Protein backbone atom coordinates (compact mmCIF):
# COMPACT_ATOMS: atom_id res chain seq x y z
CA MET A 1 1.01 -198.47 210.06
CA SER A 2 2.73 -199.74 213.19
CA ASN A 3 6.21 -198.65 214.18
CA GLU A 4 7.48 -202.16 213.33
CA ASN A 5 6.12 -202.00 209.77
CA LEU A 6 7.45 -198.49 209.32
CA GLU A 7 10.88 -199.65 210.45
CA LEU A 8 10.76 -202.53 207.93
CA ARG A 9 9.90 -200.18 205.07
CA ILE A 10 12.76 -197.88 206.08
CA LYS A 11 15.17 -200.82 206.11
CA GLU A 12 13.96 -201.83 202.64
CA LYS A 13 14.63 -198.37 201.31
CA ILE A 14 18.04 -198.31 202.96
CA GLY A 15 18.87 -201.48 201.05
CA GLU A 16 18.19 -199.61 197.78
CA ILE A 17 20.65 -196.85 198.57
CA LYS A 18 23.69 -197.10 196.31
CA ILE A 19 26.28 -195.32 198.43
CA ALA A 20 27.39 -197.23 201.51
CA ASP A 21 29.69 -194.62 203.07
CA VAL A 22 28.96 -190.97 202.36
CA ASN A 23 32.20 -189.90 204.05
CA ALA A 24 34.20 -191.89 201.48
CA LEU A 25 32.31 -190.39 198.54
CA GLU A 26 34.41 -188.24 196.19
CA ILE A 27 32.77 -186.15 193.46
CA LYS A 28 35.16 -185.66 190.57
CA SER A 29 32.97 -186.00 187.48
CA GLN A 30 29.49 -185.42 186.12
CA GLY A 31 28.81 -189.12 186.70
CA ASP A 32 29.66 -188.61 190.36
CA MET A 33 27.23 -185.67 190.41
CA THR A 34 24.48 -187.99 189.12
CA LEU A 35 25.36 -190.63 191.70
CA ALA A 36 25.24 -188.03 194.44
CA GLN A 37 21.85 -186.78 193.27
CA ASP A 38 20.50 -190.35 193.20
CA TYR A 39 21.71 -190.78 196.78
CA ILE A 40 20.00 -187.56 197.85
CA ASP A 41 16.76 -188.60 196.13
CA GLN A 42 16.87 -192.04 197.79
CA ASN A 43 17.29 -190.47 201.22
CA LYS A 44 14.48 -188.03 200.48
CA ALA A 45 12.29 -191.01 199.59
CA VAL A 46 12.90 -192.44 203.07
CA LEU A 47 12.05 -189.08 204.61
CA ALA A 48 8.82 -189.00 202.59
CA ILE A 49 7.81 -192.43 203.96
CA ILE A 50 8.49 -191.29 207.54
CA ASP A 51 6.57 -188.04 207.08
CA LYS A 52 3.63 -189.71 205.31
CA GLU A 53 3.17 -192.36 207.97
CA LEU A 54 3.59 -190.09 210.99
CA LYS A 55 1.86 -186.98 209.66
CA PRO A 56 -1.71 -188.11 210.56
CA ALA A 57 -0.71 -188.94 214.14
CA ILE A 58 1.15 -185.64 214.45
CA ALA A 59 -1.89 -183.78 213.08
CA GLN A 60 -4.17 -185.53 215.60
CA ALA A 61 -1.79 -184.69 218.43
CA TYR A 62 -1.66 -181.08 217.24
CA ASP A 63 -5.45 -180.84 217.08
CA LEU A 64 -5.70 -182.32 220.57
CA HIS A 65 -3.11 -179.82 221.78
CA LYS A 66 -5.11 -176.93 220.29
CA THR A 67 -8.34 -178.20 221.87
CA LEU A 68 -6.78 -178.65 225.30
CA LYS A 69 -4.99 -175.30 225.06
CA ALA A 70 -8.26 -173.53 224.20
CA GLN A 71 -9.97 -175.24 227.12
CA GLN A 72 -7.13 -174.29 229.43
CA ASN A 73 -7.26 -170.64 228.32
CA LYS A 74 -11.04 -170.58 228.74
CA TRP A 75 -10.84 -171.83 232.33
CA ARG A 76 -7.90 -169.60 233.21
CA LEU A 77 -9.33 -166.39 231.72
CA PRO A 78 -11.64 -165.23 234.58
CA PHE A 79 -9.01 -165.90 237.24
CA GLU A 80 -6.27 -164.18 235.27
CA SER A 81 -8.62 -161.23 234.76
CA ASN A 82 -9.28 -161.06 238.51
CA ILE A 83 -5.55 -161.04 239.21
CA GLN A 84 -4.92 -158.28 236.65
CA VAL A 85 -7.63 -156.05 238.14
CA VAL A 86 -6.41 -156.46 241.71
CA GLU A 87 -2.74 -156.13 240.76
CA SER A 88 -3.50 -152.92 238.84
CA LYS A 89 -5.24 -151.40 241.87
CA ARG A 90 -2.49 -152.55 244.22
CA ASN A 91 0.22 -151.16 241.94
CA THR A 92 -1.58 -147.82 241.60
CA TYR A 93 -1.71 -147.48 245.39
CA TYR A 94 1.88 -148.66 245.87
CA LEU A 95 3.28 -146.32 243.21
CA GLU A 96 1.47 -143.34 244.72
CA GLN A 97 2.84 -144.17 248.17
CA LYS A 98 6.34 -144.53 246.71
CA ARG A 99 5.93 -141.16 244.97
CA ILE A 100 4.93 -139.50 248.24
CA GLU A 101 7.78 -141.22 250.03
CA ARG A 102 10.33 -140.10 247.43
CA GLU A 103 8.98 -136.54 247.45
CA THR A 104 9.20 -136.42 251.25
CA GLN A 105 12.76 -137.76 251.11
CA GLU A 106 13.84 -135.18 248.53
CA LYS A 107 12.30 -132.30 250.48
CA ALA A 108 13.98 -133.46 253.68
CA GLU A 109 17.34 -133.80 251.93
CA ALA A 110 17.02 -130.35 250.36
CA GLU A 111 16.18 -128.86 253.76
CA ALA A 112 19.13 -130.69 255.32
CA ARG A 113 21.51 -129.35 252.65
CA ARG A 114 20.22 -125.79 253.25
CA GLU A 115 20.72 -126.19 257.00
CA GLU A 116 24.22 -127.57 256.39
CA ALA A 117 25.05 -124.52 254.24
CA ARG A 118 23.69 -122.18 256.93
CA GLN A 119 25.72 -123.84 259.70
CA ARG A 120 28.82 -124.00 257.51
CA GLU A 121 28.55 -120.33 256.64
CA LEU A 122 28.15 -119.45 260.32
CA LEU A 123 31.24 -121.45 261.29
CA LEU A 124 33.28 -119.93 258.46
CA SER A 125 32.23 -116.47 259.60
CA ARG A 126 33.30 -117.23 263.17
CA ALA A 127 36.58 -118.67 261.89
CA ALA A 128 37.27 -115.48 259.93
CA LYS A 129 36.63 -113.33 263.00
CA ALA A 130 38.84 -115.57 265.13
CA GLU A 131 41.61 -115.24 262.51
CA GLU A 132 41.25 -111.44 262.60
CA LYS A 133 41.69 -111.50 266.37
CA GLY A 134 44.80 -113.64 266.05
CA LYS A 135 43.16 -116.74 267.45
CA THR A 136 44.67 -119.06 264.86
CA GLU A 137 44.07 -122.27 266.75
CA LYS A 138 40.40 -121.41 267.29
CA ALA A 139 40.03 -120.44 263.62
CA GLU A 140 41.46 -123.78 262.47
CA GLU A 141 39.11 -125.62 264.83
CA LEU A 142 36.11 -123.76 263.40
CA LEU A 143 37.26 -124.42 259.83
CA GLU A 144 37.51 -128.13 260.59
CA GLN A 145 34.03 -128.08 262.09
CA ALA A 146 32.71 -126.36 258.94
CA GLN A 147 34.16 -129.11 256.74
CA GLN A 148 32.52 -131.80 258.86
CA VAL A 149 29.02 -130.34 258.90
CA PHE A 150 26.57 -133.07 257.90
CA ILE A 151 22.92 -133.50 258.75
CA PRO A 152 21.61 -137.05 258.15
CA VAL A 153 18.15 -137.55 256.73
CA ASN A 154 16.13 -140.49 258.00
CA ILE A 155 12.62 -140.81 256.63
CA THR A 156 10.48 -143.66 257.88
CA PRO A 157 9.18 -145.57 254.85
CA ILE A 158 5.42 -145.45 254.45
CA THR A 159 5.44 -148.49 252.17
CA GLU A 160 6.63 -152.01 252.85
CA LYS A 161 8.23 -154.03 250.06
CA ARG A 162 7.13 -157.27 251.66
CA ILE A 163 3.50 -158.25 251.99
CA GLU A 164 2.65 -161.02 254.40
CA SER A 165 -0.42 -162.99 253.42
CA GLU A 166 -1.91 -166.35 254.30
CA SER A 167 0.11 -168.06 251.56
CA GLY A 168 3.45 -166.50 252.49
CA LYS A 169 5.57 -163.39 251.92
CA THR A 170 5.38 -161.41 248.70
CA THR A 171 8.07 -158.90 247.72
CA MET A 172 7.17 -155.90 245.56
CA ILE A 173 9.82 -155.65 242.81
CA PRO A 174 9.84 -152.80 240.27
CA GLU A 175 9.49 -153.86 236.65
CA LEU A 176 10.06 -151.87 233.46
CA LYS A 177 7.75 -152.03 230.45
CA ILE A 178 9.07 -150.71 227.14
CA ALA A 179 7.34 -149.70 223.91
CA VAL A 180 9.34 -148.64 220.84
CA ILE A 181 7.95 -145.39 219.43
CA ASP A 182 10.83 -144.52 217.09
CA GLY A 183 12.87 -147.46 215.80
CA ARG A 184 15.44 -145.19 214.12
CA LYS A 185 16.33 -143.52 217.41
CA VAL A 186 16.67 -146.92 219.06
CA LEU A 187 19.01 -148.02 216.25
CA ARG A 188 21.12 -144.88 216.69
CA ALA A 189 21.34 -145.60 220.41
CA VAL A 190 22.74 -149.05 219.58
CA LEU A 191 25.20 -147.62 217.05
CA ASP A 192 26.57 -145.01 219.46
CA GLY A 193 26.91 -147.59 222.26
CA THR A 194 24.11 -146.31 224.49
CA LEU A 195 22.32 -149.66 224.11
CA PRO A 196 24.05 -153.03 223.62
CA MET A 197 24.10 -154.75 220.22
CA ASN A 198 21.90 -157.62 221.46
CA CYS A 199 18.97 -155.17 221.59
CA ILE A 200 18.69 -155.52 217.82
CA GLU A 201 17.40 -158.73 216.24
CA ILE A 202 18.93 -159.18 212.80
CA ASP A 203 16.57 -160.51 210.11
CA TYR A 204 18.90 -162.75 208.11
CA GLN A 205 16.20 -163.77 205.65
CA GLY A 206 15.32 -160.11 205.03
CA ILE A 207 18.99 -159.29 204.33
CA LYS A 208 19.30 -162.28 201.99
CA ARG A 209 16.16 -161.30 200.06
CA ALA A 210 17.42 -157.73 199.63
CA ILE A 211 20.80 -158.88 198.27
CA LYS A 212 19.43 -161.69 196.06
CA ALA A 213 17.05 -159.20 194.43
CA ASN A 214 20.18 -157.60 192.91
CA LEU A 215 21.84 -160.85 191.78
CA PRO A 216 21.50 -162.87 188.58
CA ALA A 217 19.75 -166.23 188.74
CA ASP A 218 23.00 -168.20 188.44
CA PHE A 219 25.28 -166.17 190.72
CA LEU A 220 28.66 -166.57 192.39
CA GLU A 221 30.16 -164.67 195.31
CA LYS A 222 31.91 -162.20 193.02
CA ASP A 223 28.49 -161.12 191.66
CA ILE A 224 27.53 -159.53 195.00
CA PRO A 225 27.25 -155.75 194.35
CA ALA A 226 29.78 -153.36 195.85
CA GLN A 227 27.21 -151.62 198.07
CA TYR A 228 26.73 -154.87 199.99
CA ARG A 229 30.43 -155.29 200.75
CA ASN A 230 32.24 -153.92 203.80
CA ILE A 231 28.97 -153.57 205.71
CA GLY A 232 29.76 -156.15 208.38
CA LEU A 233 28.52 -159.21 206.46
CA ASP A 234 30.40 -162.34 205.42
CA TYR A 235 29.20 -164.17 202.33
CA GLN A 236 29.38 -167.80 201.27
CA VAL A 237 27.62 -169.15 198.19
CA THR A 238 26.29 -172.71 198.47
CA PHE A 239 23.95 -174.69 196.26
CA SER A 240 20.70 -176.44 197.03
CA SER A 241 19.03 -178.80 194.56
CA ARG A 242 15.54 -179.06 193.11
CA THR A 243 14.49 -182.31 191.47
CA THR A 244 11.85 -182.59 188.74
CA LYS A 245 10.62 -186.17 188.63
CA ASN A 246 10.73 -187.98 185.32
CA ARG A 247 7.39 -188.72 183.67
CA ILE A 248 6.52 -192.40 183.26
CA GLU A 249 5.05 -192.94 179.82
């Protein structure tokens, strides 16, 4: 069916709809309930026409999408595999160089702090002797020198963050991969504020299923059990409708 014919059928169905202005509708009786249900059914009938006519084209488009996507993945696979292998080797080398660089830095800093302590202790000793000899000014000068002792540590990096290649400059940026091995500990970390609340994805449907399993078939808000109250949830009971079509004899 063409779009023009589909539009005509929709217009025909719209002409059968009994309620002209849904915003003006007021439901104050069982008769109004019936009228409202007829209106819902009439609108659902229009939706059914739209879905029926467009479903085959959508299915064809979906099948074409799947075919093209499979073809794309097939062609991309060997090149993506090549990239993964080379990136893995490059990262292994780069991480090892960074480890050596960090280890060298830490050793140099530790040695510098030891040398600072040695020089500081020497100056304090000289200041004490100067104080004993009554050389107050000299002692104060030595004490000031002891407070200012600092040995800078400058280690020449053995790795470069930027890689210059034929296509341009590439910057090596550290990334963090995470795998959850104990969900309960992660949850506790969220509860105590170590991790932010947005780390947890709340399964609303799972919560609803758990609560509805403890409710009668025809329930109201007051039927919600006490254990599900004051747990950070807000409840609102609404009603959906299910229509059983009348049999035509």
